N, C-alpha and C. Protein backbone atom coordinates (compact mmCIF):
# COMPACT_ATOMS: atom_id res chain seq x y z
N MET A 1 93.13 40.01 17.07
CA MET A 1 91.46 39.89 17.03
C MET A 1 90.96 38.51 17.16
N TRP A 2 91.67 37.32 16.53
CA TRP A 2 91.31 35.79 16.85
C TRP A 2 91.78 35.82 18.18
N LYS A 3 93.13 36.30 18.87
CA LYS A 3 93.50 35.83 20.06
C LYS A 3 92.38 36.56 21.25
N MET A 4 91.37 37.63 21.03
CA MET A 4 90.57 37.97 21.51
C MET A 4 89.44 37.05 22.15
N VAL A 5 89.23 36.65 20.70
CA VAL A 5 88.16 35.66 20.71
C VAL A 5 88.66 34.20 21.58
N TRP A 6 89.75 34.28 21.23
CA TRP A 6 90.40 32.63 21.50
C TRP A 6 90.55 32.92 23.19
N SER A 7 90.88 34.17 23.68
CA SER A 7 90.79 34.13 25.16
C SER A 7 89.71 34.07 25.62
N MET A 8 88.36 34.73 25.27
CA MET A 8 87.11 34.98 25.77
C MET A 8 86.16 33.35 25.40
N LYS A 9 86.61 32.66 24.82
CA LYS A 9 86.08 31.11 24.90
C LYS A 9 86.93 30.69 25.82
N ILE A 10 88.45 30.93 26.49
CA ILE A 10 88.76 30.03 27.35
C ILE A 10 88.25 30.55 28.64
N LEU A 11 88.13 31.99 28.78
CA LEU A 11 86.96 31.86 29.92
C LEU A 11 85.78 31.95 30.31
N LEU A 12 85.29 30.93 29.08
CA LEU A 12 83.81 30.34 29.35
C LEU A 12 84.05 28.79 29.55
N ASP A 13 85.56 28.29 29.29
CA ASP A 13 85.48 27.00 29.50
C ASP A 13 86.09 26.94 30.88
N LYS A 14 85.16 25.83 31.87
CA LYS A 14 85.28 25.34 33.07
C LYS A 14 86.71 24.82 32.85
N THR A 15 87.03 24.00 32.11
CA THR A 15 87.67 22.62 32.01
C THR A 15 89.14 23.50 32.02
N LYS A 16 89.49 24.63 31.60
CA LYS A 16 90.75 25.30 31.27
C LYS A 16 90.84 26.61 31.86
N GLU A 17 91.81 26.63 33.25
CA GLU A 17 91.80 27.73 33.93
C GLU A 17 92.84 28.47 33.30
N PRO A 18 92.58 29.95 33.19
CA PRO A 18 93.54 30.60 32.20
C PRO A 18 94.05 31.48 33.15
N THR A 19 95.38 31.43 32.58
CA THR A 19 96.97 32.05 32.86
C THR A 19 96.66 33.39 33.08
N ASP A 20 97.50 34.18 33.83
CA ASP A 20 97.38 35.80 33.99
C ASP A 20 97.22 36.38 32.59
N GLU A 21 98.19 35.69 31.70
CA GLU A 21 98.55 36.34 30.53
C GLU A 21 97.48 36.19 29.63
N ILE A 22 96.37 35.14 29.55
CA ILE A 22 95.57 34.75 28.90
C ILE A 22 94.02 36.07 29.36
N ILE A 23 94.45 36.20 30.62
CA ILE A 23 93.42 37.02 31.76
C ILE A 23 93.56 38.59 30.84
N LYS A 24 95.04 38.89 31.09
CA LYS A 24 95.12 40.03 30.43
C LYS A 24 94.88 40.41 28.88
N ASP A 25 95.12 39.39 28.33
CA ASP A 25 94.58 39.54 26.79
C ASP A 25 93.20 39.57 26.68
N CYS A 26 92.38 38.97 27.37
CA CYS A 26 90.98 39.33 27.37
C CYS A 26 90.34 40.50 27.79
N ILE A 27 90.77 41.04 29.09
CA ILE A 27 90.44 42.08 29.34
C ILE A 27 91.03 43.44 29.08
N GLY A 28 92.15 43.41 28.53
CA GLY A 28 92.95 44.37 27.76
C GLY A 28 94.01 44.78 28.91
N ASN A 29 95.06 45.41 28.33
CA ASN A 29 96.26 46.07 29.27
C ASN A 29 95.46 47.23 30.38
N SER A 30 94.96 48.06 30.20
CA SER A 30 94.37 49.09 31.10
C SER A 30 93.32 48.43 32.00
N ALA A 31 92.51 47.61 31.74
CA ALA A 31 91.77 46.70 32.82
C ALA A 31 92.76 46.03 33.43
N TYR A 32 93.77 45.49 33.03
CA TYR A 32 94.70 44.39 33.60
C TYR A 32 95.36 45.44 34.71
N GLU A 33 95.97 46.57 34.41
CA GLU A 33 96.43 47.17 35.24
C GLU A 33 95.64 47.85 36.50
N LEU A 34 94.26 48.02 35.86
CA LEU A 34 93.44 48.41 36.93
C LEU A 34 93.18 47.34 38.17
N LEU A 35 93.44 45.93 37.63
CA LEU A 35 92.87 44.91 38.42
C LEU A 35 94.22 44.80 39.12
N LEU A 36 95.25 45.02 38.96
CA LEU A 36 96.58 44.90 39.77
C LEU A 36 96.61 46.05 40.88
N ASP A 37 96.38 47.36 40.37
CA ASP A 37 96.00 48.23 41.17
C ASP A 37 95.24 48.05 42.44
N ILE A 38 94.09 47.37 42.19
CA ILE A 38 92.96 46.83 42.82
C ILE A 38 93.69 46.06 44.21
N GLU A 39 94.55 44.75 43.28
CA GLU A 39 95.27 43.83 44.43
C GLU A 39 95.95 44.59 45.40
N ARG A 40 96.75 45.35 44.94
CA ARG A 40 97.60 46.24 45.61
C ARG A 40 96.84 47.05 46.71
N LYS A 41 96.11 48.02 46.24
CA LYS A 41 95.45 48.44 47.38
C LYS A 41 94.66 47.92 48.40
N LEU A 42 94.06 46.69 48.21
CA LEU A 42 93.37 45.88 48.85
C LEU A 42 94.50 44.71 49.94
N ASP A 43 95.83 44.31 49.23
CA ASP A 43 96.49 43.92 50.21
C ASP A 43 97.39 44.49 50.94
N ALA A 44 97.37 45.84 50.87
CA ALA A 44 97.78 47.13 51.92
C ALA A 44 96.55 47.19 52.87
N LEU A 45 95.31 46.97 52.73
CA LEU A 45 94.44 46.93 53.85
C LEU A 45 93.87 45.68 54.68
N TYR A 46 93.90 44.57 53.84
CA TYR A 46 93.68 43.35 54.37
C TYR A 46 94.70 42.55 54.28
N ASP A 47 94.28 41.16 54.88
CA ASP A 47 95.34 39.84 54.85
C ASP A 47 94.57 39.14 53.66
N LEU A 48 95.00 39.93 52.31
CA LEU A 48 94.28 39.29 51.18
C LEU A 48 94.87 38.22 50.60
N LYS A 49 93.61 37.29 50.42
CA LYS A 49 93.85 36.25 49.57
C LYS A 49 92.85 36.31 48.32
N SER A 50 93.53 35.61 47.16
CA SER A 50 92.78 35.34 46.22
C SER A 50 92.70 34.13 45.27
N GLU A 51 91.71 33.90 44.64
CA GLU A 51 91.27 32.68 44.11
C GLU A 51 90.56 32.77 42.52
N LEU A 52 91.32 31.86 41.97
CA LEU A 52 90.63 31.93 40.40
C LEU A 52 89.81 31.14 40.52
N ARG A 53 88.36 31.26 40.06
CA ARG A 53 87.55 30.12 40.28
C ARG A 53 86.44 30.40 39.37
N PHE A 54 85.37 29.27 38.87
CA PHE A 54 84.67 29.34 37.97
C PHE A 54 83.17 29.10 38.26
N TRP A 55 82.37 30.29 37.66
CA TRP A 55 80.79 30.17 38.36
C TRP A 55 80.18 30.22 37.02
N ASP A 56 79.57 31.22 36.07
CA ASP A 56 79.36 31.33 34.87
C ASP A 56 80.57 31.56 33.91
N SER A 57 81.76 31.98 34.48
CA SER A 57 82.94 32.12 33.85
C SER A 57 84.03 32.21 34.67
N TRP A 58 85.07 32.38 33.91
CA TRP A 58 86.17 32.86 35.22
C TRP A 58 86.20 34.13 35.66
N GLN A 59 86.65 33.96 37.16
CA GLN A 59 86.73 35.14 37.75
C GLN A 59 87.47 35.10 39.00
N ARG A 60 88.04 36.02 39.80
CA ARG A 60 89.11 35.93 40.62
C ARG A 60 88.35 36.90 42.06
N GLY A 61 88.18 35.89 43.04
CA GLY A 61 87.53 36.23 44.35
C GLY A 61 88.53 37.04 45.26
N TYR A 62 88.26 37.76 46.27
CA TYR A 62 88.91 38.29 47.18
C TYR A 62 88.52 38.30 48.28
N TRP A 63 89.23 37.79 49.65
CA TRP A 63 88.90 37.56 50.67
C TRP A 63 89.78 38.34 51.62
N HIS A 64 89.38 38.83 52.85
CA HIS A 64 90.25 39.05 54.03
C HIS A 64 89.88 37.64 55.16
N LYS A 65 91.19 36.91 55.53
CA LYS A 65 90.66 35.84 55.96
C LYS A 65 89.75 35.19 55.27
N LYS A 66 88.38 35.09 56.27
CA LYS A 66 87.65 34.17 55.56
C LYS A 66 86.53 34.96 55.34
N ALA A 67 86.34 36.31 55.22
CA ALA A 67 85.31 37.11 55.05
C ALA A 67 85.34 37.61 53.43
N TRP A 68 84.57 37.17 52.66
CA TRP A 68 84.45 37.52 51.28
C TRP A 68 84.56 39.10 51.21
N LEU A 69 85.04 39.47 50.10
CA LEU A 69 85.14 41.24 50.05
C LEU A 69 84.52 41.47 48.72
N CYS A 70 84.94 40.67 47.45
CA CYS A 70 84.56 41.19 46.13
C CYS A 70 84.95 39.93 45.42
N ASP A 71 84.35 39.65 44.23
CA ASP A 71 84.70 39.38 42.63
C ASP A 71 85.18 39.88 41.51
N ALA A 72 85.95 39.81 40.81
CA ALA A 72 85.86 40.43 39.61
C ALA A 72 85.94 39.63 38.67
N VAL A 73 84.64 39.72 37.57
CA VAL A 73 84.35 39.05 36.82
C VAL A 73 84.76 39.32 35.67
N PHE A 74 85.73 38.36 34.80
CA PHE A 74 86.41 38.96 33.58
C PHE A 74 85.36 39.00 32.28
N ALA A 75 85.71 39.73 31.33
CA ALA A 75 84.72 39.77 30.19
C ALA A 75 85.71 40.52 29.28
N GLU A 76 85.38 40.82 28.12
CA GLU A 76 85.98 41.41 26.77
C GLU A 76 86.21 42.72 27.16
N ASN A 77 87.51 42.99 27.12
CA ASN A 77 87.98 44.80 27.21
C ASN A 77 87.66 45.31 28.52
N GLY A 78 87.46 44.05 29.48
CA GLY A 78 87.37 45.09 31.18
C GLY A 78 86.68 43.76 32.26
N PHE A 79 86.33 44.13 33.41
CA PHE A 79 85.94 43.39 34.16
C PHE A 79 84.99 44.46 35.36
N THR A 80 84.31 43.24 35.86
CA THR A 80 83.21 43.96 36.64
C THR A 80 83.21 43.42 37.88
N ILE A 81 83.08 44.21 38.74
CA ILE A 81 82.95 44.14 40.30
C ILE A 81 81.74 43.36 40.89
N THR A 82 81.52 42.39 41.52
CA THR A 82 80.40 42.08 42.48
C THR A 82 80.81 42.17 43.76
N LEU A 83 79.81 42.41 45.00
CA LEU A 83 79.80 42.48 46.07
C LEU A 83 78.62 42.76 46.70
N THR A 84 78.52 42.42 48.00
CA THR A 84 77.23 42.51 48.95
C THR A 84 77.66 43.04 50.27
N ILE A 85 76.95 44.20 50.59
CA ILE A 85 76.38 44.91 51.57
C ILE A 85 75.37 44.28 52.68
N THR A 86 75.70 43.59 53.68
CA THR A 86 74.90 43.23 54.66
C THR A 86 73.92 44.15 55.44
N ASP A 87 72.87 43.79 55.86
CA ASP A 87 72.20 44.75 56.54
C ASP A 87 72.90 45.52 57.68
N LYS A 88 73.74 44.87 58.45
CA LYS A 88 74.42 45.57 59.51
C LYS A 88 75.36 46.81 59.29
N ARG A 89 75.50 46.52 57.92
CA ARG A 89 77.03 47.29 57.11
C ARG A 89 76.28 48.54 56.59
N VAL A 90 74.67 48.57 56.31
CA VAL A 90 73.94 49.54 55.44
C VAL A 90 74.08 51.00 56.03
N PRO A 91 74.46 51.26 57.21
CA PRO A 91 74.55 52.40 57.80
C PRO A 91 75.88 52.84 57.27
N HIS A 92 76.97 52.13 57.28
CA HIS A 92 78.20 52.46 57.09
C HIS A 92 78.50 52.77 55.31
N MET A 93 77.47 52.21 54.88
CA MET A 93 77.58 52.50 53.33
C MET A 93 76.99 53.76 53.02
N GLU A 94 75.75 53.70 53.80
CA GLU A 94 74.94 55.37 53.44
C GLU A 94 75.61 56.48 53.92
N ALA A 95 76.40 56.55 54.67
CA ALA A 95 77.51 57.38 55.28
C ALA A 95 78.55 57.68 54.28
N ILE A 96 78.98 56.72 53.84
CA ILE A 96 80.00 57.44 52.30
C ILE A 96 79.40 57.45 51.24
N LEU A 97 78.12 57.37 50.96
CA LEU A 97 77.30 57.51 49.49
C LEU A 97 78.13 59.00 48.89
N HIS A 98 78.03 59.88 49.61
CA HIS A 98 78.03 61.09 49.31
C HIS A 98 79.49 61.54 48.76
N GLU A 99 80.55 60.31 48.84
CA GLU A 99 82.16 60.60 48.47
C GLU A 99 81.99 59.90 47.53
N LEU A 100 81.06 58.86 46.95
CA LEU A 100 81.27 58.14 45.80
C LEU A 100 80.84 58.72 44.44
N GLN A 101 81.35 58.41 43.19
CA GLN A 101 80.88 59.07 42.09
C GLN A 101 79.45 58.75 41.76
N PRO A 102 78.71 59.62 41.17
CA PRO A 102 77.09 60.02 40.95
C PRO A 102 76.71 58.26 40.48
N LYS A 103 77.65 57.61 39.34
CA LYS A 103 77.32 56.30 38.72
C LYS A 103 77.01 55.44 39.88
N LEU A 104 77.90 55.23 41.04
CA LEU A 104 77.86 54.41 41.90
C LEU A 104 76.68 54.68 42.98
N GLN A 105 76.92 55.96 43.23
CA GLN A 105 75.34 56.18 44.28
C GLN A 105 74.16 55.53 43.48
N GLU A 106 74.05 55.84 42.22
CA GLU A 106 72.99 55.00 41.40
C GLU A 106 72.95 53.66 41.56
N VAL A 107 74.17 53.14 41.31
CA VAL A 107 73.95 51.37 41.70
C VAL A 107 73.18 51.26 42.78
N TRP A 108 73.99 52.09 43.95
CA TRP A 108 73.49 51.66 45.32
C TRP A 108 71.83 51.74 45.40
N LYS A 109 71.14 53.24 44.82
CA LYS A 109 70.10 53.82 45.01
C LYS A 109 69.06 52.80 44.29
N ASN A 110 69.38 52.04 43.35
CA ASN A 110 68.73 50.84 42.51
C ASN A 110 68.99 49.46 43.01
N ARG A 111 69.36 49.23 43.91
CA ARG A 111 69.86 48.32 44.46
C ARG A 111 68.53 47.37 45.01
N LYS A 112 68.38 46.03 44.74
CA LYS A 112 67.59 45.10 45.36
C LYS A 112 68.13 43.89 46.25
N LYS A 113 67.15 43.78 47.36
CA LYS A 113 67.78 42.87 48.36
C LYS A 113 68.01 41.20 47.92
N PHE A 114 68.86 40.62 48.49
CA PHE A 114 68.91 39.43 47.91
C PHE A 114 68.98 38.64 49.28
N GLY A 115 68.21 37.43 49.33
CA GLY A 115 68.14 36.96 50.60
C GLY A 115 67.69 37.56 51.87
N PRO A 116 67.69 37.11 53.06
CA PRO A 116 66.99 37.87 53.98
C PRO A 116 67.96 39.13 54.10
N SER A 117 69.43 39.40 54.19
CA SER A 117 70.29 40.53 54.86
C SER A 117 71.42 41.05 54.15
N SER A 118 71.40 40.60 52.39
CA SER A 118 72.26 41.55 51.86
C SER A 118 72.03 41.98 50.58
N TRP A 119 72.87 42.98 50.51
CA TRP A 119 72.37 44.09 49.27
C TRP A 119 73.57 43.97 48.26
N PRO A 120 73.36 43.31 46.94
CA PRO A 120 74.63 43.39 46.22
C PRO A 120 74.82 44.02 45.46
N MET A 121 75.89 44.34 44.83
CA MET A 121 76.31 45.76 44.24
C MET A 121 77.03 45.11 42.71
N THR A 122 76.70 45.64 41.75
CA THR A 122 77.74 45.07 40.59
C THR A 122 78.11 46.23 39.70
N PHE A 123 79.36 46.77 39.62
CA PHE A 123 79.66 47.51 38.58
C PHE A 123 81.07 47.44 38.20
N ASP A 124 81.19 48.37 37.01
CA ASP A 124 82.51 47.91 35.99
C ASP A 124 83.42 48.78 36.52
N ILE A 125 84.64 48.34 36.58
CA ILE A 125 85.84 49.26 36.48
C ILE A 125 86.50 49.80 35.55
N GLU A 126 86.34 50.81 35.08
CA GLU A 126 87.15 51.75 34.09
C GLU A 126 88.21 52.44 34.25
N ALA A 127 88.23 53.09 35.28
CA ALA A 127 89.18 54.15 35.50
C ALA A 127 89.61 54.33 37.22
N GLU A 128 90.61 54.82 37.60
CA GLU A 128 91.33 54.66 38.88
C GLU A 128 90.49 55.35 39.86
N GLU A 129 89.25 56.16 39.32
CA GLU A 129 88.53 56.81 40.37
C GLU A 129 87.12 55.67 40.67
N ASP A 130 86.96 54.40 39.67
CA ASP A 130 86.26 53.42 40.23
C ASP A 130 87.03 52.68 41.40
N VAL A 131 88.24 52.37 41.34
CA VAL A 131 89.31 51.89 41.96
C VAL A 131 89.25 52.45 43.38
N GLN A 132 89.22 53.47 43.26
CA GLN A 132 89.10 54.40 44.48
C GLN A 132 87.84 54.24 45.32
N ASP A 133 86.68 54.31 44.56
CA ASP A 133 85.35 54.08 45.02
C ASP A 133 85.25 52.40 45.83
N LEU A 134 85.81 51.46 44.90
CA LEU A 134 85.27 50.32 45.36
C LEU A 134 86.36 50.16 46.83
N VAL A 135 87.52 50.73 46.99
CA VAL A 135 87.90 50.71 48.20
C VAL A 135 87.33 51.40 49.53
N LYS A 136 86.60 52.40 49.24
CA LYS A 136 85.85 53.12 50.16
C LYS A 136 84.69 52.35 50.20
N ILE A 137 84.21 51.57 49.43
CA ILE A 137 82.67 50.66 49.59
C ILE A 137 83.21 49.46 50.37
N LEU A 138 84.42 48.61 50.07
CA LEU A 138 84.91 47.88 50.97
C LEU A 138 85.18 48.01 52.32
N ALA A 139 85.44 49.53 52.35
CA ALA A 139 85.70 49.89 54.18
C ALA A 139 84.86 49.82 54.67
N ALA A 140 83.68 50.22 53.92
CA ALA A 140 82.25 50.33 54.55
C ALA A 140 81.64 48.87 55.00
N LYS A 141 81.98 48.19 53.91
CA LYS A 141 81.68 46.48 53.95
C LYS A 141 82.57 45.87 54.98
N LEU A 142 83.76 46.19 55.29
CA LEU A 142 84.76 45.29 56.19
C LEU A 142 85.57 46.29 56.36
N PRO A 143 85.79 47.40 57.73
CA PRO A 143 86.90 47.97 57.98
C PRO A 143 88.10 47.37 57.77
N SER A 144 89.24 47.80 57.56
CA SER A 144 90.66 47.45 57.28
C SER A 144 91.18 47.09 58.63
N LYS A 145 91.77 46.02 58.71
CA LYS A 145 92.64 45.39 59.95
C LYS A 145 94.04 46.07 59.89
N LYS A 146 94.12 46.58 58.77
CA LYS A 146 95.93 47.25 58.58
C LYS A 146 95.34 48.91 58.01
N ALA A 147 97.00 49.34 58.33
CA ALA A 147 97.03 50.66 57.96
C ALA A 147 96.09 51.36 56.68
N ALA A 148 95.82 52.32 56.42
CA ALA A 148 95.29 52.87 54.97
C ALA A 148 95.91 52.81 54.23
N VAL A 149 95.20 53.00 52.87
CA VAL A 149 96.45 53.04 51.70
C VAL A 149 97.15 54.17 51.29
């Protein structure tokens, strides 16, 4: 338990960049495996670049070249994905909505516009189905430049 508390404090300390081991200790083994699965799938689809960075806490951002895909925000026993869909890509998101789990359909239906042209989405990754839905959402956001997963 002390290790988890210590790890969480590290994730909130801007001056101490966490190692992968600390991230794994904090989010848990199963969540860490899901994070690695996301990275493998995105790497197969995009020219993936990732960066560990601090905003309100440590998180990992993912890009295809210079296009931002999403962030994984670390928390105790898991992580949350944040991303945005631009107005231009809303029709593509609407086209795949029926393929997503009901909880993600609900997240989309309850979205609020941020700025002049973007629609943020935030959801937890808890199972392989969430990873599959994330890949679909990112394909609606930015079509893959590589072969499908």
